[in-house]
């Protein structure tokens, strides 16, 4: 039986993650409050950030930036797209 969470992003009760997907306190908050659907949305947003800002996720500054954006995405009112980002039509 899958676990459910009250998803902070979607605002509804939804299927929760199977396991923590990120280490530390932020990872536990995500596990406790984010649904699988919302996590997939974050992964798409994170990929866009990595590509647009040409980040290398193994670099400490890039990881710190992505962690801050994840915090904003789920718990701080949203993570912004880069100013010159143009979505594909």
Protein backbone atom coordinates (compact mmCIF):
# COMPACT_ATOMS: atom_id res chain seq x y z
CA UNK A 1 0.00 0.00 0.00
CA UNK A 2 1.41 3.39 -0.95
CA UNK A 3 1.65 6.23 1.50
CA UNK A 4 -0.10 9.52 0.96
CA UNK A 5 0.89 13.05 1.86
CA UNK A 6 -0.82 16.41 1.86
CA UNK A 7 1.29 17.81 -0.97
CA UNK A 8 2.55 21.35 -0.35
CA UNK A 9 2.77 22.05 -4.07
CA UNK A 10 -0.54 20.59 -5.25
CA UNK A 11 -2.52 21.30 -2.07
CA UNK A 12 -4.22 17.89 -2.12
CA UNK A 13 -3.76 14.46 -0.60
CA UNK A 14 -1.67 12.49 -3.09
CA UNK A 15 0.68 9.51 -3.36
CA UNK A 16 3.90 10.22 -1.50
CA UNK A 17 7.45 9.38 -2.44
CA UNK A 18 8.62 5.83 -1.75
CA UNK A 19 11.81 6.99 -0.05
CA UNK A 20 13.66 10.23 0.68
CA UNK A 21 15.10 11.55 -2.58
CA UNK A 22 17.46 14.13 -1.10
CA UNK A 23 19.70 14.04 2.00
CA UNK A 24 19.38 16.02 5.20
CA UNK A 25 16.60 18.07 6.71
CA UNK A 26 15.39 19.38 3.35
CA UNK A 27 15.18 15.83 2.05
CA UNK A 28 13.07 14.81 5.03
CA UNK A 29 10.75 17.80 4.55
CA UNK A 30 10.35 16.87 0.89
CA UNK A 31 9.67 13.23 1.78
CA UNK A 32 7.05 14.24 4.37
CA UNK A 33 5.29 16.93 2.29
CA UNK A 34 5.78 16.34 -1.44
CA UNK A 35 3.90 13.97 -3.72
CA UNK A 36 5.37 11.89 -6.54
CA UNK A 37 3.68 14.15 -9.09
CA UNK A 38 5.15 17.28 -7.51
CA UNK A 39 8.60 15.68 -7.33
CA UNK A 40 8.44 14.97 -11.07
CA UNK A 41 7.56 18.64 -11.65
CA UNK A 42 10.62 19.63 -9.62
CA UNK A 43 12.86 17.30 -11.64
CA UNK A 44 11.68 18.98 -14.84
CA UNK A 45 12.23 22.44 -13.38
CA UNK A 46 15.64 21.43 -12.03
CA UNK A 47 16.66 20.10 -15.46
CA UNK A 48 15.65 23.41 -17.02
CA UNK A 49 17.71 25.32 -14.42
CA UNK A 50 20.75 23.10 -15.02
CA UNK A 51 20.50 23.56 -18.77
CA UNK A 52 19.71 27.28 -18.84
CA UNK A 53 22.36 28.24 -16.27
CA UNK A 54 24.79 25.62 -17.60
CA UNK A 55 25.31 24.19 -14.12
CA UNK A 56 27.51 21.27 -13.22
CA UNK A 57 25.61 19.59 -10.36
CA UNK A 58 28.76 18.12 -8.79
CA UNK A 59 30.15 21.62 -8.14
CA UNK A 60 29.36 22.84 -4.61
CA UNK A 61 28.05 26.26 -5.76
CA UNK A 62 25.71 24.64 -8.28
CA UNK A 63 24.44 22.18 -5.68
CA UNK A 64 23.85 24.99 -3.21
CA UNK A 65 21.95 26.98 -5.85
CA UNK A 66 19.78 23.96 -6.77
CA UNK A 67 19.07 23.24 -3.12
CA UNK A 68 17.96 26.85 -2.57
CA UNK A 69 15.76 26.64 -5.65
CA UNK A 70 14.24 23.36 -4.44
CA UNK A 71 13.45 25.00 -1.10
CA UNK A 72 11.75 27.91 -2.91
CA UNK A 73 9.97 25.58 -5.37
CA UNK A 74 8.26 23.58 -2.62
CA UNK A 75 8.22 25.77 0.48
CA UNK A 76 8.92 29.36 -0.52
CA UNK A 77 6.41 30.46 -3.11
CA UNK A 78 8.07 29.01 -6.20
CA UNK A 79 11.32 28.98 -8.10
CA UNK A 80 11.56 31.43 -10.99
CA UNK A 81 12.60 30.54 -14.50
CA UNK A 82 15.68 32.32 -15.82
CA UNK A 83 14.79 35.80 -17.15
CA UNK A 84 15.61 34.92 -20.77
CA UNK A 85 14.06 31.44 -20.72
CA UNK A 86 11.83 30.66 -23.70
CA UNK A 87 9.76 27.49 -23.47
CA UNK A 88 9.61 25.33 -26.57
CA UNK A 89 6.35 25.72 -28.49
